[in-house]
Protein backbone atom coordinates (compact mmCIF):
# COMPACT_ATOMS: atom_id res chain seq x y z
CA MET A 1 333.54 59.88 80.19
CA LYS A 2 333.12 63.64 80.42
CA VAL A 3 335.76 65.27 82.11
CA MET A 4 336.60 69.57 82.62
CA ALA A 5 339.62 69.96 80.55
CA MET A 6 341.94 72.87 79.76
CA VAL A 7 341.55 73.40 76.02
CA HIS A 8 344.43 74.81 73.81
CA SER A 9 342.30 76.73 71.56
CA LEU A 10 340.08 78.17 74.25
CA GLY A 11 342.59 78.87 77.13
CA ALA A 12 340.01 77.67 79.73
CA LEU A 13 337.68 74.92 80.82
CA ALA A 14 335.70 73.35 79.13
CA GLU A 15 333.72 70.25 79.21
CA VAL A 16 335.34 67.15 77.15
CA GLU A 17 334.74 63.19 76.31
CA ILE A 18 338.25 60.98 76.83
CA ILE A 19 337.54 58.83 74.67
CA GLU A 20 341.09 56.94 75.49
CA HIS A 21 343.64 56.84 78.10
CA LYS A 22 346.08 54.48 77.86
CA ASP A 23 348.72 56.28 79.93
CA ASN A 24 348.99 59.91 81.27
CA ASN A 25 350.62 60.98 77.70
CA ASN A 26 348.41 58.56 75.73
CA VAL A 27 345.27 59.99 75.60
CA ILE A 28 342.53 60.84 72.80
CA ALA A 29 339.39 63.38 73.23
CA GLU A 30 336.41 64.70 71.96
CA TYR A 31 336.10 68.34 71.64
CA ASP A 32 334.17 69.98 69.44
CA GLY A 33 333.52 66.94 67.08
CA LYS A 34 337.08 66.93 66.92
CA ARG A 35 339.01 63.65 67.87
CA CYS A 36 342.27 65.42 69.55
CA THR A 37 345.54 63.87 71.55
CA ALA A 38 345.59 65.41 75.28
CA VAL A 39 347.90 64.93 78.36
CA PHE A 40 346.74 64.05 81.74
CA ASN A 41 348.88 66.06 84.65
CA PRO A 42 348.20 64.07 87.61
CA PHE A 43 349.88 67.36 89.82
CA VAL A 44 346.57 69.20 88.88
CA GLY A 45 344.56 67.06 87.91
CA LEU A 46 343.67 68.30 84.47
CA TYR A 47 343.52 67.46 81.33
CA TYR A 48 344.90 69.40 78.21
CA VAL A 49 343.49 68.81 75.12
CA ASP A 50 345.58 70.15 71.95
CA ASP A 51 342.56 70.82 69.36
CA LYS A 52 344.77 73.40 67.08
CA TYR A 53 347.86 70.99 66.40
CA GLY A 54 346.73 67.74 67.95
CA VAL A 55 343.69 67.04 65.59
CA ILE A 56 343.20 63.20 64.63
CA SER A 57 341.74 62.65 61.12
């Protein structure tokens, strides 16, 4: 599913694709052609994607 998420390298919201959501702390997202780790914050309703240090090779 495509959602708006906070992207680490941008420091802003961008559209990302959620590939897998096992639980709030174990999420895989795809942004700019890279698969990355992410977390979901249910209090603000946002995914936080780490495309700097959380890139999955």
